[in-house]
Protein backbone atom coordinates (compact mmCIF):
# COMPACT_ATOMS: atom_id res chain seq x y z
CA MET A 1 92.87 100.31 93.37
CA SER A 2 96.22 101.49 92.32
CA LYS A 3 97.46 103.51 95.57
CA LYS A 4 98.19 106.76 95.07
CA ILE A 5 101.82 108.17 95.60
CA ILE A 6 103.11 111.14 95.62
CA ILE A 7 107.84 111.52 94.48
CA VAL A 8 108.14 115.21 95.03
CA GLY A 9 111.37 116.59 92.67
CA SER A 10 112.52 114.70 89.68
CA GLY A 11 116.15 113.85 90.00
CA ASN A 12 118.07 110.83 89.59
CA ALA A 13 116.57 109.82 93.44
CA ALA A 14 113.33 111.17 92.55
CA MET A 15 113.00 109.04 88.97
CA SER A 16 114.59 106.17 90.37
CA ALA A 17 111.26 106.42 93.02
CA GLY A 18 108.95 106.72 90.92
CA ILE A 19 110.23 103.91 88.38
CA ALA A 20 110.34 101.96 90.97
CA ALA A 21 106.55 103.06 92.44
CA ALA A 22 105.18 102.45 88.74
CA GLU A 23 106.94 99.17 88.12
CA ALA A 24 105.20 98.02 91.67
CA GLY A 25 101.94 99.14 90.55
CA ALA A 26 101.34 102.62 92.26
CA ASP A 27 99.67 105.52 90.42
CA VAL A 28 103.23 107.69 90.50
CA MET A 29 103.03 111.65 90.35
CA MET A 30 106.24 113.33 90.03
CA LEU A 31 106.18 117.37 91.13
CA GLU A 32 108.61 119.45 90.70
CA LYS A 33 109.36 122.99 91.64
CA ALA A 34 111.35 124.22 88.41
CA GLY A 35 109.48 124.52 85.08
CA PRO A 36 110.89 121.34 81.86
CA GLU A 37 113.89 123.07 81.12
CA LEU A 38 115.96 122.37 84.63
CA ALA A 39 113.74 119.62 86.40
CA GLY A 40 115.80 117.06 86.85
CA GLY A 41 117.35 118.54 90.13
CA ASN A 42 121.13 118.47 90.29
CA THR A 43 121.29 115.13 87.41
CA LYS A 44 121.39 117.27 84.73
CA TYR A 45 124.55 118.83 85.77
CA THR A 46 126.44 115.80 86.74
CA ALA A 47 128.55 113.44 84.53
CA GLY A 48 126.15 110.72 84.84
CA ALA A 49 128.93 108.20 86.43
CA MET A 50 128.46 105.39 88.79
CA ARG A 51 130.25 103.92 91.12
CA PHE A 52 129.59 100.24 92.05
CA ALA A 53 131.09 97.06 93.21
CA TYR A 54 132.10 94.46 90.00
CA ASP A 55 133.50 91.62 89.97
CA GLU A 56 135.43 91.27 86.65
CA ALA A 57 134.87 93.21 83.67
CA ASP A 58 132.27 91.11 81.63
CA ALA A 59 129.52 91.73 84.60
CA LEU A 60 130.31 95.40 82.87
CA LEU A 61 128.93 94.31 79.20
CA PRO A 62 124.96 94.00 79.21
CA LEU A 63 125.38 97.69 80.73
CA LEU A 64 126.85 99.05 78.11
CA ALA A 65 125.26 101.24 74.90
CA ASP A 66 127.89 99.45 72.42
CA ARG A 67 128.75 96.58 73.23
CA ASP A 68 130.55 96.30 69.87
CA ASP A 69 133.14 99.75 70.23
CA PRO A 70 136.46 98.49 68.92
CA ARG A 71 138.05 100.03 71.84
CA ILE A 72 136.52 97.49 74.25
CA ALA A 73 138.91 94.84 73.34
CA VAL A 74 141.86 97.27 74.61
CA THR A 75 140.11 97.99 77.69
CA ASP A 76 141.42 96.89 81.18
CA PHE A 77 138.65 97.53 83.38
CA GLY A 78 139.78 96.09 86.22
CA SER A 79 138.14 94.73 88.94
CA TYR A 80 135.97 96.64 91.70
CA SER A 81 135.24 94.49 95.02
CA CYS A 82 132.94 95.53 97.54
CA GLU A 83 135.66 94.72 99.99
CA VAL A 84 137.62 97.72 97.96
CA PHE A 85 134.23 100.17 97.54
CA SER A 86 134.07 100.05 101.62
CA ASP A 87 137.30 100.67 102.11
CA HIS A 88 137.26 103.41 99.64
CA LEU A 89 134.26 104.98 101.87
CA LEU A 90 135.81 104.42 104.91
CA ARG A 91 138.66 106.62 103.99
CA PHE A 92 136.07 109.45 103.81
CA ASN A 93 134.90 108.40 107.45
CA ALA A 94 137.19 110.29 110.27
CA GLY A 95 137.26 106.82 111.86
CA ARG A 96 133.45 105.29 112.01
CA PRO A 97 132.84 101.91 111.17
CA LEU A 98 131.09 101.75 108.17
CA SER A 99 127.05 103.27 108.79
CA PRO A 100 124.47 100.99 107.60
CA GLU A 101 123.37 103.51 105.62
CA GLN A 102 126.80 103.07 103.41
CA ARG A 103 126.58 98.86 103.62
CA ALA A 104 123.37 99.50 101.88
CA LEU A 105 125.10 101.52 99.22
CA VAL A 106 128.16 99.19 98.49
CA ASP A 107 125.62 96.25 98.32
CA GLU A 108 123.14 97.24 96.29
CA SER A 109 125.06 99.05 93.97
CA TYR A 110 126.07 96.88 91.19
CA ASP A 111 121.34 95.35 91.24
CA ALA A 112 120.95 99.09 91.36
CA VAL A 113 122.69 100.00 88.54
CA ALA A 114 121.67 97.34 86.09
CA TRP A 115 118.05 97.48 86.93
CA LEU A 116 118.00 100.90 85.78
CA ALA A 117 119.82 99.27 82.61
CA GLY A 118 116.79 97.06 82.63
CA HIS A 119 115.09 100.03 82.09
CA GLY A 120 116.75 101.08 79.02
CA VAL A 121 119.26 103.38 80.88
CA THR A 122 122.55 102.51 79.58
CA TYR A 123 126.15 103.58 80.25
CA GLU A 124 129.74 104.17 78.21
CA PRO A 125 132.48 103.57 79.69
CA ILE A 126 134.35 107.21 80.80
CA TYR A 127 137.28 107.26 78.57
CA ALA A 128 138.04 110.44 78.54
CA ARG A 129 138.40 110.83 82.58
CA GLN A 130 138.74 107.65 83.73
CA SER A 131 141.81 106.02 81.62
CA PHE A 132 145.02 106.30 80.21
CA ARG A 133 147.02 105.32 77.47
CA LYS A 134 148.85 102.77 78.50
CA ASP A 135 151.59 100.12 76.49
CA GLY A 136 148.46 100.31 73.44
CA ARG A 137 145.94 99.63 75.95
CA TYR A 138 143.39 101.88 77.54
CA VAL A 139 143.72 101.30 81.42
CA PHE A 140 141.20 102.59 83.90
CA TRP A 141 142.05 103.43 87.41
CA GLY A 142 140.30 104.16 90.55
CA GLY A 143 137.23 101.96 90.33
CA LEU A 144 135.33 104.32 88.21
CA THR A 145 134.56 103.13 84.86
CA LEU A 146 130.86 103.97 83.87
CA ALA A 147 128.40 106.60 82.67
CA ALA A 148 125.05 107.02 82.01
CA ALA A 149 125.06 107.69 77.44
CA ASN A 150 124.93 111.43 77.07
CA GLU A 151 126.08 111.91 80.77
CA GLY A 152 123.46 113.48 83.34
CA VAL A 153 121.30 114.85 80.90
CA GLY A 154 120.97 112.01 78.95
CA LEU A 155 120.63 110.04 82.00
CA PHE A 156 117.89 112.18 83.28
CA ASP A 157 116.34 111.46 79.55
CA MET A 158 116.47 107.80 79.71
CA GLU A 159 114.67 107.85 83.59
CA LEU A 160 112.14 109.70 82.15
CA ALA A 161 110.62 108.26 79.84
CA ALA A 162 111.04 104.79 81.59
CA PHE A 163 108.91 106.65 84.03
CA GLN A 164 106.04 107.59 81.52
CA ARG A 165 106.37 104.62 80.37
CA LEU A 166 105.86 102.86 82.83
CA GLY A 167 102.69 105.20 83.12
CA GLY A 168 104.20 108.12 85.66
CA ARG A 169 103.06 111.43 85.26
CA LEU A 170 105.59 114.64 86.08
CA ARG A 171 104.11 117.66 86.41
CA CYS A 172 106.31 121.01 86.59
CA GLU A 173 106.71 124.44 88.01
CA ALA A 174 104.25 122.91 91.24
CA GLY A 175 107.23 123.38 94.02
CA VAL A 176 105.86 122.06 96.79
CA THR A 177 104.99 123.72 100.13
CA GLY A 178 103.68 121.69 102.37
CA LEU A 179 103.18 118.09 104.04
CA LEU A 180 98.93 117.48 104.96
CA ALA A 181 98.67 115.13 107.82
CA LYS A 182 96.65 113.55 110.21
CA GLY A 183 96.80 110.97 113.29
CA GLY A 184 100.26 110.88 112.34
CA ARG A 185 100.30 110.49 109.34
CA VAL A 186 100.91 111.79 106.17
CA THR A 187 98.51 112.04 103.84
CA GLY A 188 99.33 113.92 101.20
CA VAL A 189 101.30 117.49 99.83
CA ARG A 190 100.29 121.18 99.36
CA VAL A 191 101.01 123.12 96.47
CA ASP A 192 100.66 126.83 97.35
CA GLU A 193 96.60 126.42 97.75
CA GLU A 194 96.00 123.28 96.49
CA GLU A 195 95.58 120.12 98.46
CA ILE A 196 96.81 117.01 96.97
CA ALA A 197 96.20 113.35 98.85
CA ALA A 198 98.70 110.44 98.68
CA ASP A 199 98.69 107.05 100.43
CA ALA A 200 102.54 107.92 100.23
CA VAL A 201 104.96 110.91 100.12
CA VAL A 202 108.52 110.11 98.85
CA LEU A 203 110.89 113.53 99.91
CA ALA A 204 113.33 113.22 96.57
CA CYS A 205 114.18 117.19 97.66
CA GLY A 206 117.81 117.36 97.98
CA GLY A 207 119.63 119.47 100.05
CA PHE A 208 119.77 122.79 100.61
CA GLU A 209 123.30 123.98 98.59
CA ALA A 210 121.46 126.30 97.22
CA ASN A 211 120.23 128.04 100.50
CA GLU A 212 122.14 131.04 101.54
CA ARG A 213 121.76 130.73 104.86
CA MET A 214 121.37 127.01 105.84
CA ARG A 215 124.94 126.15 104.21
CA ALA A 216 126.48 129.66 106.74
CA GLU A 217 124.46 127.66 109.69
CA GLN A 218 125.51 124.12 108.81
CA LEU A 219 128.84 124.34 107.53
CA GLY A 220 130.00 127.84 108.24
CA GLY A 221 130.19 131.10 107.21
CA ASP A 222 132.82 130.68 104.44
CA TRP A 223 130.36 128.30 102.40
CA ALA A 224 128.20 131.92 101.79
CA ARG A 225 130.85 132.56 99.19
CA ALA A 226 130.41 129.11 97.65
CA LYS A 227 129.85 128.41 93.83
CA VAL A 228 126.31 126.47 93.27
CA ARG A 229 127.40 123.99 90.81
CA GLY A 230 123.32 122.50 90.47
CA THR A 231 120.29 123.51 90.27
CA PRO A 232 119.08 126.55 92.20
CA TYR A 233 115.86 124.82 93.61
CA ASN A 234 117.51 122.98 96.20
CA THR A 235 117.07 124.68 99.16
CA GLY A 236 116.06 122.36 101.78
CA ASP A 237 112.42 122.51 101.33
CA GLY A 238 111.94 118.91 102.03
CA LEU A 239 114.32 118.84 105.16
CA ASP A 240 112.10 121.80 106.68
CA PHE A 241 108.85 119.65 105.84
CA ALA A 242 110.17 116.56 107.43
CA TRP A 243 111.57 118.27 110.21
CA ALA A 244 107.97 119.49 111.14
CA LEU A 245 106.72 116.36 111.49
CA GLY A 246 109.37 115.50 114.25
CA ALA A 247 112.11 113.49 111.90
CA ALA A 248 115.42 112.74 113.56
CA ARG A 249 118.88 114.64 111.92
CA TYR A 250 121.18 112.56 110.81
CA GLY A 251 124.15 112.67 109.27
CA SER A 252 126.78 114.94 108.83
CA TYR A 253 125.43 118.30 108.76
CA GLU A 254 128.72 119.89 109.14
CA GLY A 255 129.61 118.16 105.10
CA CYS A 256 128.83 118.50 102.17
CA HIS A 257 130.48 117.91 98.56
CA ALA A 258 132.80 120.69 97.01
CA THR A 259 134.93 120.54 93.92
CA PRO A 260 137.34 123.18 92.13
CA MET A 261 135.45 125.26 90.43
CA ASP A 262 136.56 128.36 87.39
CA LEU A 263 136.60 130.59 90.01
CA HIS A 264 134.90 133.18 87.15
CA MET A 265 131.55 130.87 86.75
CA LYS A 266 128.01 132.43 87.23
CA ASP A 267 126.44 130.82 90.19
CA TYR A 268 123.89 127.49 89.63
CA GLY A 269 126.54 126.44 87.02
CA ASN A 270 125.93 128.83 84.60
CA LEU A 271 122.13 128.87 83.35
CA ASP A 272 123.21 130.29 80.06
CA LEU A 273 124.64 127.28 78.86
CA PRO A 274 122.98 124.00 78.17
CA PRO A 275 123.49 121.47 81.02
CA ILE A 276 125.74 119.06 79.52
CA GLU A 277 128.38 122.52 79.35
CA ARG A 278 127.86 123.70 82.72
CA LYS A 279 129.94 120.95 84.55
CA ASN A 280 132.95 122.51 82.27
CA TYR A 281 133.38 124.55 85.03
CA ARG A 282 135.08 121.67 86.90
CA LYS A 283 138.75 122.44 87.00
CA ILE A 284 139.81 118.91 89.03
CA CYS A 285 143.54 118.39 87.43
CA TYR A 286 145.30 119.82 90.13
CA PHE A 287 147.07 116.36 90.38
CA LEU A 288 148.88 117.23 87.28
CA GLY A 289 150.46 120.21 88.43
CA VAL A 290 149.82 122.46 91.88
CA MET A 291 147.62 124.53 93.51
CA VAL A 292 148.96 127.90 95.24
CA ASN A 293 146.78 130.40 97.85
CA ALA A 294 146.62 134.20 98.19
CA ARG A 295 150.24 133.92 100.02
CA GLY A 296 151.98 132.28 97.11
CA GLU A 297 151.90 128.58 99.31
CA ARG A 298 150.66 125.65 98.40
CA PHE A 299 147.93 123.76 100.88
CA VAL A 300 146.93 120.55 100.49
CA ASP A 301 149.20 117.45 98.53
CA GLU A 302 147.85 117.03 95.47
CA GLY A 303 148.83 114.01 94.38
CA ILE A 304 147.46 111.77 97.92
CA ASN A 305 145.54 109.98 95.65
CA PHE A 306 143.08 109.97 92.37
CA ARG A 307 141.09 112.91 92.47
CA ASN A 308 138.00 110.52 91.98
CA TYR A 309 138.72 110.75 96.24
CA THR A 310 140.20 113.81 96.59
CA TYR A 311 138.38 116.66 95.30
CA ALA A 312 134.91 116.78 97.29
CA GLN A 313 137.42 117.95 100.31
CA PHE A 314 140.01 119.87 97.94
CA GLY A 315 137.22 122.23 97.18
CA ARG A 316 136.27 122.81 100.71
CA ALA A 317 140.29 122.78 100.92
CA VAL A 318 140.50 126.07 98.29
CA LEU A 319 137.31 127.86 99.77
CA GLU A 320 138.92 128.09 102.92
CA GLN A 321 141.95 130.05 101.52
CA PRO A 322 142.34 133.90 101.85
CA GLY A 323 139.74 135.31 99.61
CA HIS A 324 138.25 132.49 99.09
CA PHE A 325 140.39 131.29 95.94
CA ALA A 326 143.62 129.74 94.24
CA TRP A 327 145.40 129.28 91.33
CA GLN A 328 146.17 125.58 89.72
CA ILE A 329 149.73 126.05 87.07
CA PHE A 330 150.81 123.81 84.77
CA ASP A 331 153.31 123.25 82.05
CA ALA A 332 153.10 121.96 78.73
CA LYS A 333 154.17 118.74 79.91
CA VAL A 334 150.84 117.93 80.61
CA MET A 335 149.05 119.85 78.78
CA ASP A 336 147.22 117.04 76.66
CA LEU A 337 146.33 115.05 79.93
CA LEU A 338 144.02 118.35 81.11
CA TYR A 339 139.89 117.48 80.73
CA GLY A 340 138.20 119.13 78.25
CA GLU A 341 137.10 121.82 80.53
CA TYR A 342 140.80 123.14 80.57
CA HIS A 343 139.97 123.31 77.27
CA PHE A 344 136.75 124.55 77.11
CA GLU A 345 136.11 127.93 75.41
CA ASP A 346 134.38 129.59 78.43
CA ALA A 347 137.57 128.45 80.16
CA HIS A 348 139.56 131.60 82.37
CA PHE A 349 143.62 131.16 82.68
CA ILE A 350 146.36 133.02 81.96
CA GLU A 351 149.95 131.69 80.33
CA ALA A 352 153.08 132.99 80.07
CA GLY A 353 156.65 131.66 78.56
CA THR A 354 158.19 131.95 81.79
CA LEU A 355 157.42 131.44 85.93
CA GLU A 356 159.02 134.18 86.64
CA ALA A 357 156.60 136.51 83.74
CA LEU A 358 153.74 133.53 84.69
CA VAL A 359 153.80 134.52 88.77
CA GLU A 360 153.06 138.32 87.81
CA LYS A 361 149.90 137.96 86.17
CA LEU A 362 148.44 135.73 88.99
CA ASP A 363 145.49 137.88 90.24
CA GLY A 364 145.83 138.42 94.08
CA VAL A 365 148.25 136.44 94.76
CA ASP A 366 152.10 137.68 96.56
CA ALA A 367 154.01 136.68 93.03
CA LYS A 368 157.70 136.62 95.01
CA ALA A 369 156.33 133.65 97.58
CA ALA A 370 154.32 131.87 94.70
CA LEU A 371 158.11 132.21 92.88
CA ARG A 372 159.32 130.59 95.73
CA THR A 373 157.29 128.20 95.90
CA LEU A 374 156.98 127.04 92.40
CA ASN A 375 160.74 127.38 92.32
CA GLY A 376 161.31 124.79 95.76
CA PHE A 377 158.53 122.21 94.12
CA ASN A 378 160.82 122.17 91.08
CA ASP A 379 164.16 121.07 93.28
CA ALA A 380 162.75 118.39 95.39
CA VAL A 381 160.91 116.23 93.24
CA ASP A 382 162.08 112.66 92.51
CA PHE A 383 164.05 112.57 89.55
CA ALA A 384 164.47 108.67 89.94
CA THR A 385 160.44 107.69 89.49
CA PRO A 386 158.48 107.63 86.53
CA PHE A 387 155.84 109.22 86.16
CA ASP A 388 152.50 106.97 85.00
CA PRO A 389 149.28 108.99 85.38
CA THR A 390 147.76 105.67 85.63
CA VAL A 391 148.65 104.27 89.16
CA LEU A 392 149.31 105.57 92.22
CA ASP A 393 153.23 106.31 91.09
CA GLY A 394 154.96 107.42 93.84
CA LYS A 395 156.81 110.22 92.16
CA SER A 396 157.40 112.71 95.20
CA THR A 397 158.86 115.50 96.08
CA LYS A 398 161.29 115.02 98.95
CA GLY A 399 162.15 117.32 101.69
CA LEU A 400 159.09 119.93 101.40
CA ALA A 401 156.39 120.82 104.41
CA LEU A 402 153.92 119.91 102.26
CA ASN A 403 155.29 117.25 99.99
CA LYS A 404 153.26 116.09 96.54
CA SER A 405 153.09 112.45 97.08
CA ASN A 406 152.12 111.11 93.21
CA TRP A 407 152.69 112.43 89.90
CA ALA A 408 155.26 114.92 90.57
CA GLN A 409 156.63 116.55 87.81
CA THR A 410 159.06 119.71 87.85
CA ILE A 411 157.02 122.67 85.94
CA ASP A 412 159.31 123.77 83.31
CA THR A 413 158.70 123.50 80.02
CA PRO A 414 156.84 126.34 78.36
CA PRO A 415 154.86 127.88 78.02
CA PHE A 416 153.04 127.77 81.57
CA ARG A 417 149.36 128.13 82.57
CA ALA A 418 147.44 128.77 85.38
CA TYR A 419 143.97 128.40 86.70
CA PRO A 420 141.85 131.43 88.72
CA VAL A 421 139.53 128.11 91.31
CA THR A 422 137.07 128.50 94.03
CA GLY A 423 135.27 125.95 95.92
CA GLY A 424 131.54 124.71 94.35
CA ILE A 425 128.81 122.89 96.12
CA THR A 426 126.93 119.94 94.96
CA PHE A 427 125.16 118.63 97.30
CA THR A 428 124.81 118.23 101.45
CA TYR A 429 125.54 115.19 103.67
CA GLY A 430 122.92 115.64 106.56
CA GLY A 431 120.05 114.49 106.04
CA VAL A 432 117.01 111.92 108.16
CA LYS A 433 117.28 108.62 109.02
CA VAL A 434 115.22 106.55 106.95
CA ASP A 435 114.81 102.67 107.39
CA GLU A 436 115.78 100.17 105.15
CA PHE A 437 112.06 100.66 103.21
CA GLY A 438 113.21 103.86 102.40
CA ARG A 439 110.58 105.26 105.66
CA VAL A 440 111.26 108.55 107.54
CA LEU A 441 111.84 108.09 110.72
CA ARG A 442 112.09 110.31 113.91
CA SER A 443 114.80 110.69 117.26
CA ASP A 444 112.90 108.05 118.94
CA GLY A 445 112.71 105.01 115.83
CA SER A 446 109.70 105.13 115.49
CA ALA A 447 108.22 105.15 111.65
CA ILE A 448 106.67 108.94 110.26
CA ASP A 449 103.47 106.85 108.57
CA GLY A 450 103.18 107.57 104.79
CA LEU A 451 106.92 109.71 104.36
CA HIS A 452 109.55 108.13 102.78
CA ALA A 453 112.76 109.66 101.68
CA CYS A 454 116.20 109.07 99.17
CA GLY A 455 118.24 111.28 98.13
CA GLU A 456 120.33 114.31 99.38
CA MET A 457 117.60 114.05 102.00
CA VAL A 458 118.76 110.71 103.43
CA GLY A 459 121.93 111.14 106.21
CA GLY A 460 124.42 108.70 106.93
CA VAL A 461 125.49 108.05 103.70
CA PHE A 462 128.84 110.87 103.67
CA PHE A 463 130.38 112.19 105.97
CA ASP A 464 134.33 113.90 105.19
CA GLY A 465 133.94 113.20 101.45
CA TYR A 466 133.34 110.39 99.08
CA PRO A 467 134.77 108.49 96.37
CA GLY A 468 133.35 109.92 92.85
CA GLY A 469 130.28 108.42 90.96
CA SER A 470 129.02 107.29 94.81
CA GLY A 471 126.50 110.08 94.60
CA LEU A 472 124.23 109.27 91.51
CA THR A 473 124.70 104.91 92.85
CA SER A 474 123.07 106.25 96.27
CA GLY A 475 120.62 108.04 94.45
CA VAL A 476 119.80 105.08 93.13
CA VAL A 477 119.66 102.78 95.79
CA PHE A 478 117.71 104.89 98.20
CA GLY A 479 115.21 105.63 95.33
CA ARG A 480 114.47 102.27 94.51
CA ARG A 481 114.15 101.37 97.99
CA ALA A 482 111.53 103.80 98.85
CA GLY A 483 109.27 103.62 95.84
CA ARG A 484 108.93 100.37 96.20
CA SER A 485 108.24 100.59 99.72
CA ALA A 486 105.95 103.12 99.06
CA ALA A 487 103.66 101.37 96.53
CA ARG A 488 103.73 98.13 99.05
CA LEU A 489 103.55 98.92 102.30
């Protein structure tokens, strides 16, 4: 007789768990708090990008939706080894060695993405955001090359189709309100007054980023003001359920994925827009210009690394500025390099023909100080080094208290534009400890029988930041583990 498995949540990690459990022969029901339009957790709000290790470009070809795209013949995808992926994670560990969860993420990343491809999930090269034209070729940078076809919305749709083909069922507007347990073993879930029995439960219902109280308690008071980029339903319920059964807290509860976002966006990614357009409120081209705060001062090295490795920390940095905002400033030289979100019809910006006129329009900013900052920046630019956005070009400023390490060009070509931004939270890093089977562990290391977790629920994957695209891959890696084990153990 088939095992009965309940998956709590319906995002990428939940879908991966559901596909894996159904593939193993289980009878799988997925319970989602949201209605059908908002099912999918944070997945629909993403660009669908997945970071994974690969040794050569040929490893990408079996994953592509369109292998006949003529651009592929003139594209340099490069390679992205497990060693490089590991090194990139270590940069965000504040001196910690790789955790067991991080090693699993790296080692299983390609197999997990290819496994999804075997279930009909297809991918596209991220030409618009991860490559630049150079000498007639498309050159990818930063190790992030592919995203699900039609981005996060497409990923959810393809995963849902795969799940349902295997016999899985998705029930929306069915928020789990508690777990059923007997003799230390989880035996099902409660949905309001309804009790649903199961042989195992997989918690895949996200972190606490949409819970203002928990954000302030765990991350600090500034985070009560953060814009929430994704679903309003990730309120920490799964963590509460697990803690009530003795689950160990694990990972970085003071850490989270944050991104510079349009200051005037609505919470939850603007529910008035179709899901595919909600991503347009991100503002992550700061590396092509400078950012100033209310004091008119720069506060980060905008060019310290590729934006894949900085935007999660810079979202936090913006939120921690006076008034919880900053302005991103660019000139005409880089307008054609700014991503589509800067040209999005709902993007907020001001424009002027001179820097003097621009700073006067920066709402909430000390205009005189901002002008000094911009003029000082321009005077400090190294003119001898050529600008090259495809590499860490070393084109820097010299002699400033806070230099820009790469891509430092003078801001001197009108018209000038400035975009107001704040910090937007995507997901939280603190979670529960799981073993190699995805089982939730108590503080003494024993497993809570019948209870598994994946996705944002898993702690120890990220600490002080993360390389872009790792979050979705982590959801697949740990979702597949949890779903398989729940069906087989």
